[in-house]
């Protein structure tokens, strides 16, 4: 996950970053460097965005964020617990793999 403290962030800016991540993931994906964009969470009142990636390694996620010019303060490994059901209208991305 890319944690972005992003002054002036908007839904459009996050959507644009997501498109850049999609394009970058297509350009760099290989078996050992697999990564893809899963979506984002925007907290507009705090000017924060969380861009969610699925990646083979933290290094692959970091490279993806850099190539896509995502203004990340840091890249973090996260573990998703339980179901994740997006409430937005765009359900085009697959959810992250759930740990069993």
PDB file of N, CA and C in Angstrom:
ATOM      1  N   UNK A   1       0.847  -1.164   0.000  1.00  0.00           N
ATOM      2  CA  UNK A   1       0.000   0.000   0.000  1.00  0.00           C
ATOM      3  C   UNK A   1       0.898   1.233   0.000  1.00  0.00           C
ATOM      4  N   UNK A   2       0.543   2.182  -0.839  1.00  0.00           N
ATOM      5  CA  UNK A   2       1.227   3.467  -0.849  1.00  0.00           C
ATOM      6  C   UNK A   2       0.430   4.429   0.018  1.00  0.00           C
ATOM      7  N   UNK A   3       1.069   4.958   1.038  1.00  0.00           N
ATOM      8  CA  UNK A   3       0.437   5.929   1.924  1.00  0.00           C
ATOM      9  C   UNK A   3       0.857   7.322   1.450  1.00  0.00           C
ATOM     10  N   UNK A   4      -0.124   8.122   1.049  1.00  0.00           N
ATOM     11  CA  UNK A   4       0.162   9.419   0.440  1.00  0.00           C
ATOM     12  C   UNK A   4      -0.447  10.551   1.264  1.00  0.00           C
ATOM     13  N   UNK A   5       0.389  11.395   1.842  1.00  0.00           N
ATOM     14  CA  UNK A   5      -0.085  12.638   2.450  1.00  0.00           C
ATOM     15  C   UNK A   5      -0.008  13.651   1.319  1.00  0.00           C
ATOM     16  N   UNK A   6      -1.181  14.052   0.789  1.00  0.00           N
ATOM     17  CA  UNK A   6      -1.260  14.687  -0.521  1.00  0.00           C
ATOM     18  C   UNK A   6      -2.059  15.981  -0.438  1.00  0.00           C
ATOM     19  N   UNK A   7      -1.406  17.121  -0.132  1.00  0.00           N
ATOM     20  CA  UNK A   7      -2.134  18.393  -0.079  1.00  0.00           C
ATOM     21  C   UNK A   7      -2.855  18.678  -1.395  1.00  0.00           C
ATOM     22  N   UNK A   8      -4.119  19.065  -1.298  1.00  0.00           N
ATOM     23  CA  UNK A   8      -4.915  19.366  -2.481  1.00  0.00           C
ATOM     24  C   UNK A   8      -5.429  18.140  -3.218  1.00  0.00           C
ATOM     25  N   UNK A   9      -5.359  16.983  -2.586  1.00  0.00           N
ATOM     26  CA  UNK A   9      -5.807  15.747  -3.239  1.00  0.00           C
ATOM     27  C   UNK A   9      -7.293  15.826  -3.555  1.00  0.00           C
ATOM     28  N   UNK A  10      -7.657  15.197  -4.662  1.00  0.00           N
ATOM     29  CA  UNK A  10      -9.061  15.108  -5.064  1.00  0.00           C
ATOM     30  C   UNK A  10      -9.302  13.710  -5.618  1.00  0.00           C
ATOM     31  N   UNK A  11     -10.549  13.358  -5.778  1.00  0.00           N
ATOM     32  CA  UNK A  11     -10.883  12.050  -6.357  1.00  0.00           C
ATOM     33  C   UNK A  11     -10.286  11.927  -7.759  1.00  0.00           C
ATOM     34  N   UNK A  12     -10.296  13.018  -8.527  1.00  0.00           N
ATOM     35  CA  UNK A  12      -9.733  12.969  -9.883  1.00  0.00           C
ATOM     36  C   UNK A  12      -8.226  12.729  -9.853  1.00  0.00           C
ATOM     37  N   UNK A  13      -7.516  13.365  -8.932  1.00  0.00           N
ATOM     38  CA  UNK A  13      -6.070  13.160  -8.829  1.00  0.00           C
ATOM     39  C   UNK A  13      -5.749  11.712  -8.470  1.00  0.00           C
ATOM     40  N   UNK A  14      -6.533  11.132  -7.575  1.00  0.00           N
ATOM     41  CA  UNK A  14      -6.323   9.734  -7.196  1.00  0.00           C
ATOM     42  C   UNK A  14      -6.658   8.818  -8.368  1.00  0.00           C
ATOM     43  N   UNK A  15      -7.734   9.113  -9.090  1.00  0.00           N
ATOM     44  CA  UNK A  15      -8.094   8.313 -10.264  1.00  0.00           C
ATOM     45  C   UNK A  15      -6.996   8.396 -11.326  1.00  0.00           C
ATOM     46  N   UNK A  16      -6.434   9.571 -11.529  1.00  0.00           N
ATOM     47  CA  UNK A  16      -5.337   9.726 -12.493  1.00  0.00           C
ATOM     48  C   UNK A  16      -4.114   8.917 -12.063  1.00  0.00           C
ATOM     49  N   UNK A  17      -3.805   8.950 -10.773  1.00  0.00           N
ATOM     50  CA  UNK A  17      -2.682   8.152 -10.262  1.00  0.00           C
ATOM     51  C   UNK A  17      -2.955   6.669 -10.468  1.00  0.00           C
ATOM     52  N   UNK A  18      -4.187   6.241 -10.238  1.00  0.00           N
ATOM     53  CA  UNK A  18      -4.551   4.837 -10.446  1.00  0.00           C
ATOM     54  C   UNK A  18      -4.341   4.407 -11.887  1.00  0.00           C
ATOM     55  N   UNK A  19      -4.677   5.271 -12.820  1.00  0.00           N
ATOM     56  CA  UNK A  19      -4.463   4.948 -14.233  1.00  0.00           C
ATOM     57  C   UNK A  19      -2.971   4.848 -14.551  1.00  0.00           C
ATOM     58  N   UNK A  20      -2.171   5.733 -13.975  1.00  0.00           N
ATOM     59  CA  UNK A  20      -0.716   5.644 -14.179  1.00  0.00           C
ATOM     60  C   UNK A  20      -0.169   4.342 -13.606  1.00  0.00           C
ATOM     61  N   UNK A  21      -0.702   3.923 -12.452  1.00  0.00           N
ATOM     62  CA  UNK A  21      -0.254   2.662 -11.842  1.00  0.00           C
ATOM     63  C   UNK A  21      -0.625   1.490 -12.740  1.00  0.00           C
ATOM     64  N   UNK A  22      -1.834   1.486 -13.279  1.00  0.00           N
ATOM     65  CA  UNK A  22      -2.244   0.410 -14.193  1.00  0.00           C
ATOM     66  C   UNK A  22      -1.304   0.321 -15.390  1.00  0.00           C
ATOM     67  N   UNK A  23      -0.998   1.469 -15.985  1.00  0.00           N
ATOM     68  CA  UNK A  23      -0.105   1.491 -17.139  1.00  0.00           C
ATOM     69  C   UNK A  23       1.296   1.017 -16.772  1.00  0.00           C
ATOM     70  N   UNK A  24       1.803   1.467 -15.643  1.00  0.00           N
ATOM     71  CA  UNK A  24       3.143   1.051 -15.212  1.00  0.00           C
ATOM     72  C   UNK A  24       3.182  -0.437 -14.891  1.00  0.00           C
ATOM     73  N   UNK A  25       2.124  -0.972 -14.287  1.00  0.00           N
ATOM     74  CA  UNK A  25       2.122  -2.400 -13.947  1.00  0.00           C
ATOM     75  C   UNK A  25       2.151  -3.255 -15.200  1.00  0.00           C
ATOM     76  N   UNK A  26       1.492  -2.821 -16.256  1.00  0.00           N
ATOM     77  CA  UNK A  26       1.540  -3.556 -17.524  1.00  0.00           C
ATOM     78  C   UNK A  26       2.936  -3.534 -18.123  1.00  0.00           C
ATOM     79  N   UNK A  27       3.664  -2.453 -17.914  1.00  0.00           N
ATOM     80  CA  UNK A  27       4.993  -2.297 -18.499  1.00  0.00           C
ATOM     81  C   UNK A  27       6.061  -3.100 -17.764  1.00  0.00           C
ATOM     82  N   UNK A  28       5.897  -3.334 -16.467  1.00  0.00           N
ATOM     83  CA  UNK A  28       6.982  -3.968 -15.703  1.00  0.00           C
ATOM     84  C   UNK A  28       6.666  -5.363 -15.196  1.00  0.00           C
ATOM     85  N   UNK A  29       5.465  -5.858 -15.389  1.00  0.00           N
ATOM     86  CA  UNK A  29       5.104  -7.151 -14.805  1.00  0.00           C
ATOM     87  C   UNK A  29       5.882  -8.305 -15.423  1.00  0.00           C
ATOM     88  N   UNK A  30       6.383  -9.146 -14.570  1.00  0.00           N
ATOM     89  CA  UNK A  30       6.978 -10.436 -14.911  1.00  0.00           C
ATOM     90  C   UNK A  30       6.707 -11.328 -13.714  1.00  0.00           C
ATOM     91  N   UNK A  31       7.045 -12.598 -13.787  1.00  0.00           N
ATOM     92  CA  UNK A  31       6.716 -13.508 -12.693  1.00  0.00           C
ATOM     93  C   UNK A  31       7.292 -13.057 -11.351  1.00  0.00           C
ATOM     94  N   UNK A  32       8.532 -12.611 -11.335  1.00  0.00           N
ATOM     95  CA  UNK A  32       9.155 -12.223 -10.074  1.00  0.00           C
ATOM     96  C   UNK A  32       8.880 -10.771  -9.698  1.00  0.00           C
ATOM     97  N   UNK A  33       8.282 -10.004 -10.599  1.00  0.00           N
ATOM     98  CA  UNK A  33       8.003  -8.601 -10.340  1.00  0.00           C
ATOM     99  C   UNK A  33       6.517  -8.294 -10.540  1.00  0.00           C
ATOM    100  N   UNK A  34       5.674  -9.293 -10.375  1.00  0.00           N
ATOM    101  CA  UNK A  34       4.234  -9.126 -10.559  1.00  0.00           C
ATOM    102  C   UNK A  34       3.712  -8.040  -9.626  1.00  0.00           C
ATOM    103  N   UNK A  35       2.925  -7.149 -10.167  1.00  0.00           N
ATOM    104  CA  UNK A  35       2.254  -6.154  -9.347  1.00  0.00           C
ATOM    105  C   UNK A  35       1.054  -5.622 -10.124  1.00  0.00           C
ATOM    106  N   UNK A  36       0.024  -5.239  -9.381  1.00  0.00           N
ATOM    107  CA  UNK A  36      -1.155  -4.653 -10.005  1.00  0.00           C
ATOM    108  C   UNK A  36      -1.850  -3.732  -9.020  1.00  0.00           C
ATOM    109  N   UNK A  37      -2.635  -2.842  -9.589  1.00  0.00           N
ATOM    110  CA  UNK A  37      -3.391  -1.854  -8.833  1.00  0.00           C
ATOM    111  C   UNK A  37      -4.733  -2.443  -8.431  1.00  0.00           C
ATOM    112  N   UNK A  38      -5.094  -2.287  -7.155  1.00  0.00           N
ATOM    113  CA  UNK A  38      -6.363  -2.822  -6.654  1.00  0.00           C
ATOM    114  C   UNK A  38      -7.398  -1.736  -6.372  1.00  0.00           C
ATOM    115  N   UNK A  39      -6.971  -0.501  -6.352  1.00  0.00           N
ATOM    116  CA  UNK A  39      -7.882   0.597  -6.047  1.00  0.00           C
ATOM    117  C   UNK A  39      -7.280   1.503  -4.997  1.00  0.00           C
ATOM    118  N   UNK A  40      -8.050   2.470  -4.575  1.00  0.00           N
ATOM    119  CA  UNK A  40      -7.554   3.454  -3.607  1.00  0.00           C
ATOM    120  C   UNK A  40      -8.627   3.790  -2.591  1.00  0.00           C
ATOM    121  N   UNK A  41      -8.168   4.350  -1.504  1.00  0.00           N
ATOM    122  CA  UNK A  41      -9.042   4.901  -0.471  1.00  0.00           C
ATOM    123  C   UNK A  41      -8.637   6.360  -0.317  1.00  0.00           C
ATOM    124  N   UNK A  42      -9.595   7.245  -0.426  1.00  0.00           N
ATOM    125  CA  UNK A  42      -9.346   8.680  -0.303  1.00  0.00           C
ATOM    126  C   UNK A  42      -9.959   9.185   0.996  1.00  0.00           C
ATOM    127  N   UNK A  43      -9.166   9.922   1.758  1.00  0.00           N
ATOM    128  CA  UNK A  43      -9.646  10.582   2.977  1.00  0.00           C
ATOM    129  C   UNK A  43      -9.464  12.081   2.735  1.00  0.00           C
ATOM    130  N   UNK A  44     -10.431  12.699   2.038  1.00  0.00           N
ATOM    131  CA  UNK A  44     -10.234  14.082   1.589  1.00  0.00           C
ATOM    132  C   UNK A  44     -10.053  15.096   2.714  1.00  0.00           C
ATOM    133  N   UNK A  45     -10.735  14.928   3.827  1.00  0.00           N
ATOM    134  CA  UNK A  45     -10.610  15.910   4.909  1.00  0.00           C
ATOM    135  C   UNK A  45      -9.219  15.919   5.530  1.00  0.00           C
ATOM    136  N   UNK A  46      -8.501  14.802   5.422  1.00  0.00           N
ATOM    137  CA  UNK A  46      -7.136  14.717   5.945  1.00  0.00           C
ATOM    138  C   UNK A  46      -6.081  14.802   4.848  1.00  0.00           C
ATOM    139  N   UNK A  47      -6.525  14.979   3.585  1.00  0.00           N
ATOM    140  CA  UNK A  47      -5.626  15.041   2.435  1.00  0.00           C
ATOM    141  C   UNK A  47      -4.704  13.821   2.368  1.00  0.00           C
ATOM    142  N   UNK A  48      -5.322  12.658   2.505  1.00  0.00           N
ATOM    143  CA  UNK A  48      -4.598  11.390   2.490  1.00  0.00           C
ATOM    144  C   UNK A  48      -5.242  10.459   1.470  1.00  0.00           C
ATOM    145  N   UNK A  49      -4.396   9.729   0.766  1.00  0.00           N
ATOM    146  CA  UNK A  49      -4.864   8.671  -0.127  1.00  0.00           C
ATOM    147  C   UNK A  49      -4.042   7.422   0.157  1.00  0.00           C
ATOM    148  N   UNK A  50      -4.706   6.295   0.102  1.00  0.00           N
ATOM    149  CA  UNK A  50      -4.049   5.001   0.225  1.00  0.00           C
ATOM    150  C   UNK A  50      -4.258   4.275  -1.097  1.00  0.00           C
ATOM    151  N   UNK A  51      -3.184   4.013  -1.811  1.00  0.00           N
ATOM    152  CA  UNK A  51      -3.257   3.297  -3.078  1.00  0.00           C
ATOM    153  C   UNK A  51      -2.872   1.850  -2.816  1.00  0.00           C
ATOM    154  N   UNK A  52      -3.764   0.947  -3.161  1.00  0.00           N
ATOM    155  CA  UNK A  52      -3.584  -0.460  -2.836  1.00  0.00           C
ATOM    156  C   UNK A  52      -3.035  -1.227  -4.024  1.00  0.00           C
ATOM    157  N   UNK A  53      -1.961  -1.974  -3.781  1.00  0.00           N
ATOM    158  CA  UNK A  53      -1.325  -2.796  -4.797  1.00  0.00           C
ATOM    159  C   UNK A  53      -1.300  -4.240  -4.333  1.00  0.00           C
ATOM    160  N   UNK A  54      -1.285  -5.148  -5.274  1.00  0.00           N
ATOM    161  CA  UNK A  54      -0.935  -6.540  -5.011  1.00  0.00           C
ATOM    162  C   UNK A  54       0.392  -6.723  -5.725  1.00  0.00           C
ATOM    163  N   UNK A  55       1.408  -7.188  -5.013  1.00  0.00           N
ATOM    164  CA  UNK A  55       2.739  -7.295  -5.605  1.00  0.00           C
ATOM    165  C   UNK A  55       3.467  -8.511  -5.069  1.00  0.00           C
ATOM    166  N   UNK A  56       4.405  -9.014  -5.878  1.00  0.00           N
ATOM    167  CA  UNK A  56       5.200 -10.180  -5.482  1.00  0.00           C
ATOM    168  C   UNK A  56       6.106  -9.847  -4.301  1.00  0.00           C
ATOM    169  N   UNK A  57       6.615  -8.626  -4.262  1.00  0.00           N
ATOM    170  CA  UNK A  57       7.503  -8.192  -3.175  1.00  0.00           C
ATOM    171  C   UNK A  57       7.228  -6.730  -2.856  1.00  0.00           C
ATOM    172  N   UNK A  58       7.710  -6.290  -1.711  1.00  0.00           N
ATOM    173  CA  UNK A  58       7.592  -4.874  -1.346  1.00  0.00           C
ATOM    174  C   UNK A  58       8.410  -4.026  -2.315  1.00  0.00           C
ATOM    175  N   UNK A  59       9.511  -4.591  -2.797  1.00  0.00           N
ATOM    176  CA  UNK A  59      10.347  -3.876  -3.769  1.00  0.00           C
ATOM    177  C   UNK A  59       9.593  -3.645  -5.076  1.00  0.00           C
ATOM    178  N   UNK A  60       8.830  -4.644  -5.512  1.00  0.00           N
ATOM    179  CA  UNK A  60       8.033  -4.503  -6.736  1.00  0.00           C
ATOM    180  C   UNK A  60       6.964  -3.429  -6.554  1.00  0.00           C
ATOM    181  N   UNK A  61       6.336  -3.383  -5.393  1.00  0.00           N
ATOM    182  CA  UNK A  61       5.328  -2.356  -5.111  1.00  0.00           C
ATOM    183  C   UNK A  61       5.963  -0.971  -5.077  1.00  0.00           C
ATOM    184  N   UNK A  62       7.153  -0.876  -4.491  1.00  0.00           N
ATOM    185  CA  UNK A  62       7.863   0.396  -4.425  1.00  0.00           C
ATOM    186  C   UNK A  62       8.229   0.878  -5.824  1.00  0.00           C
ATOM    187  N   UNK A  63       8.734  -0.018  -6.654  1.00  0.00           N
ATOM    188  CA  UNK A  63       9.088   0.342  -8.026  1.00  0.00           C
ATOM    189  C   UNK A  63       7.850   0.793  -8.803  1.00  0.00           C
ATOM    190  N   UNK A  64       6.754   0.088  -8.622  1.00  0.00           N
ATOM    191  CA  UNK A  64       5.518   0.446  -9.309  1.00  0.00           C
ATOM    192  C   UNK A  64       5.074   1.863  -8.920  1.00  0.00           C
ATOM    193  N   UNK A  65       5.089   2.160  -7.641  1.00  0.00           N
ATOM    194  CA  UNK A  65       4.681   3.491  -7.178  1.00  0.00           C
ATOM    195  C   UNK A  65       5.598   4.577  -7.743  1.00  0.00           C
ATOM    196  N   UNK A  66       6.899   4.307  -7.776  1.00  0.00           N
ATOM    197  CA  UNK A  66       7.841   5.297  -8.312  1.00  0.00           C
ATOM    198  C   UNK A  66       7.622   5.518  -9.793  1.00  0.00           C
ATOM    199  N   UNK A  67       7.475   4.438 -10.560  1.00  0.00           N
ATOM    200  CA  UNK A  67       7.270   4.571 -12.014  1.00  0.00           C
ATOM    201  C   UNK A  67       5.978   5.301 -12.340  1.00  0.00           C
ATOM    202  N   UNK A  68       4.975   5.138 -11.493  1.00  0.00           N
ATOM    203  CA  UNK A  68       3.677   5.775 -11.728  1.00  0.00           C
ATOM    204  C   UNK A  68       3.592   7.177 -11.116  1.00  0.00           C
ATOM    205  N   UNK A  69       4.674   7.637 -10.514  1.00  0.00           N
ATOM    206  CA  UNK A  69       4.718   8.962  -9.883  1.00  0.00           C
ATOM    207  C   UNK A  69       3.621   9.136  -8.838  1.00  0.00           C
ATOM    208  N   UNK A  70       3.418   8.098  -8.040  1.00  0.00           N
ATOM    209  CA  UNK A  70       2.473   8.185  -6.926  1.00  0.00           C
ATOM    210  C   UNK A  70       3.199   8.914  -5.788  1.00  0.00           C
ATOM    211  N   UNK A  71       2.624  10.003  -5.265  1.00  0.00           N
ATOM    212  CA  UNK A  71       3.314  10.792  -4.240  1.00  0.00           C
ATOM    213  C   UNK A  71       3.267  10.120  -2.867  1.00  0.00           C
ATOM    214  N   UNK A  72       3.937   8.994  -2.748  1.00  0.00           N
ATOM    215  CA  UNK A  72       3.874   8.186  -1.530  1.00  0.00           C
ATOM    216  C   UNK A  72       4.907   8.631  -0.505  1.00  0.00           C
ATOM    217  N   UNK A  73       4.454   8.745   0.716  1.00  0.00           N
ATOM    218  CA  UNK A  73       5.375   8.976   1.831  1.00  0.00           C
ATOM    219  C   UNK A  73       6.122   7.688   2.150  1.00  0.00           C
ATOM    220  N   UNK A  74       5.387   6.580   2.036  1.00  0.00           N
ATOM    221  CA  UNK A  74       5.993   5.276   2.286  1.00  0.00           C
ATOM    222  C   UNK A  74       5.147   4.188   1.650  1.00  0.00           C
ATOM    223  N   UNK A  75       5.794   3.049   1.420  1.00  0.00           N
ATOM    224  CA  UNK A  75       5.129   1.865   0.890  1.00  0.00           C
ATOM    225  C   UNK A  75       5.114   0.842   2.016  1.00  0.00           C
ATOM    226  N   UNK A  76       3.938   0.328   2.310  1.00  0.00           N
ATOM    227  CA  UNK A  76       3.768  -0.575   3.446  1.00  0.00           C
ATOM    228  C   UNK A  76       3.206  -1.914   3.001  1.00  0.00           C
ATOM    229  N   UNK A  77       3.659  -2.976   3.646  1.00  0.00           N
ATOM    230  CA  UNK A  77       3.039  -4.278   3.457  1.00  0.00           C
ATOM    231  C   UNK A  77       1.806  -4.318   4.357  1.00  0.00           C
ATOM    232  N   UNK A  78       0.687  -4.748   3.805  1.00  0.00           N
ATOM    233  CA  UNK A  78      -0.532  -4.849   4.599  1.00  0.00           C
ATOM    234  C   UNK A  78      -1.081  -6.266   4.498  1.00  0.00           C
ATOM    235  N   UNK A  79      -1.878  -6.640   5.470  1.00  0.00           N
ATOM    236  CA  UNK A  79      -2.559  -7.935   5.486  1.00  0.00           C
ATOM    237  C   UNK A  79      -4.040  -7.645   5.597  1.00  0.00           C
ATOM    238  N   UNK A  80      -4.789  -8.118   4.625  1.00  0.00           N
ATOM    239  CA  UNK A  80      -6.237  -7.915   4.632  1.00  0.00           C
ATOM    240  C   UNK A  80      -6.880  -9.067   5.386  1.00  0.00           C
ATOM    241  N   UNK A  81      -7.739  -8.737   6.315  1.00  0.00           N
ATOM    242  CA  UNK A  81      -8.461  -9.732   7.096  1.00  0.00           C
ATOM    243  C   UNK A  81      -9.949  -9.568   6.833  1.00  0.00           C
ATOM    244  N   UNK A  82     -10.615 -10.640   6.516  1.00  0.00           N
ATOM    245  CA  UNK A  82     -12.046 -10.573   6.268  1.00  0.00           C
ATOM    246  C   UNK A  82     -12.371 -10.131   4.862  1.00  0.00           C
ATOM    247  N   UNK A  83     -13.658  -9.972   4.617  1.00  0.00           N
ATOM    248  CA  UNK A  83     -14.149  -9.632   3.279  1.00  0.00           C
ATOM    249  C   UNK A  83     -13.978  -8.149   3.016  1.00  0.00           C
ATOM    250  N   UNK A  84     -13.768  -7.815   1.766  1.00  0.00           N
ATOM    251  CA  UNK A  84     -13.707  -6.432   1.324  1.00  0.00           C
ATOM    252  C   UNK A  84     -14.676  -6.290   0.163  1.00  0.00           C
ATOM    253  N   UNK A  85     -15.706  -5.516   0.371  1.00  0.00           N
ATOM    254  CA  UNK A  85     -16.703  -5.297  -0.687  1.00  0.00           C
ATOM    255  C   UNK A  85     -16.722  -3.818  -1.014  1.00  0.00           C
ATOM    256  N   UNK A  86     -16.191  -3.428  -2.172  1.00  0.00           N
ATOM    257  CA  UNK A  86     -16.188  -2.011  -2.533  1.00  0.00           C
ATOM    258  C   UNK A  86     -17.610  -1.467  -2.602  1.00  0.00           C
ATOM    259  N   UNK A  87     -17.816  -0.260  -2.100  1.00  0.00           N
ATOM    260  CA  UNK A  87     -19.140   0.340  -2.124  1.00  0.00           C
ATOM    261  C   UNK A  87     -19.321   1.286  -3.299  1.00  0.00           C
ATOM    262  N   UNK A  88     -18.235   1.591  -4.029  1.00  0.00           N
ATOM    263  CA  UNK A  88     -18.324   2.481  -5.180  1.00  0.00           C
ATOM    264  C   UNK A  88     -18.938   1.789  -6.379  1.00  0.00           C
ATOM    265  N   UNK A  89     -19.097   2.528  -7.429  1.00  0.00           N
ATOM    266  CA  UNK A  89     -19.719   1.980  -8.638  1.00  0.00           C
ATOM    267  C   UNK A  89     -18.743   1.198  -9.504  1.00  0.00           C
ATOM    268  N   UNK A  90     -17.443   1.487  -9.395  1.00  0.00           N
ATOM    269  CA  UNK A  90     -16.453   0.824 -10.238  1.00  0.00           C
ATOM    270  C   UNK A  90     -15.963  -0.438  -9.550  1.00  0.00           C
ATOM    271  N   UNK A  91     -16.407  -1.573 -10.028  1.00  0.00           N
ATOM    272  CA  UNK A  91     -16.000  -2.859  -9.472  1.00  0.00           C
ATOM    273  C   UNK A  91     -15.108  -3.604 -10.451  1.00  0.00           C
ATOM    274  N   UNK A  92     -14.331  -2.867 -11.257  1.00  0.00           N
ATOM    275  CA  UNK A  92     -13.541  -3.481 -12.317  1.00  0.00           C
ATOM    276  C   UNK A  92     -12.264  -4.136 -11.826  1.00  0.00           C
ATOM    277  N   UNK A  93     -11.809  -3.834 -10.604  1.00  0.00           N
ATOM    278  CA  UNK A  93     -10.593  -4.458 -10.105  1.00  0.00           C
ATOM    279  C   UNK A  93     -10.940  -5.606  -9.187  1.00  0.00           C
ATOM    280  N   UNK A  94     -10.090  -6.591  -9.147  1.00  0.00           N
ATOM    281  CA  UNK A  94     -10.297  -7.747  -8.281  1.00  0.00           C
ATOM    282  C   UNK A  94      -9.813  -7.440  -6.879  1.00  0.00           C
ATOM    283  N   UNK A  95     -10.437  -7.982  -5.849  1.00  0.00           N
ATOM    284  CA  UNK A  95      -9.946  -7.762  -4.487  1.00  0.00           C
ATOM    285  C   UNK A  95      -8.643  -8.511  -4.263  1.00  0.00           C
ATOM    286  N   UNK A  96      -7.899  -8.090  -3.286  1.00  0.00           N
ATOM    287  CA  UNK A  96      -6.645  -8.760  -2.930  1.00  0.00           C
ATOM    288  C   UNK A  96      -6.948 -10.181  -2.452  1.00  0.00           C
ATOM    289  N   UNK A  97      -5.946 -11.040  -2.565  1.00  0.00           N
ATOM    290  CA  UNK A  97      -6.115 -12.397  -2.074  1.00  0.00           C
ATOM    291  C   UNK A  97      -6.286 -12.386  -0.559  1.00  0.00           C
ATOM    292  N   UNK A  98      -7.226 -13.121  -0.069  1.00  0.00           N
ATOM    293  CA  UNK A  98      -7.482 -13.182   1.367  1.00  0.00           C
ATOM    294  C   UNK A  98      -6.609 -14.255   1.988  1.00  0.00           C
ATOM    295  N   UNK A  99      -6.015 -13.947   3.139  1.00  0.00           N
ATOM    296  CA  UNK A  99      -5.201 -14.928   3.849  1.00  0.00           C
ATOM    297  C   UNK A  99      -6.101 -15.964   4.478  1.00  0.00           C
ATOM    298  N   UNK A 100      -5.678 -17.193   4.455  1.00  0.00           N
ATOM    299  CA  UNK A 100      -6.451 -18.281   5.065  1.00  0.00           C
ATOM    300  C   UNK A 100      -5.706 -18.860   6.229  1.00  0.00           C
TER     301      UNK A 100
END
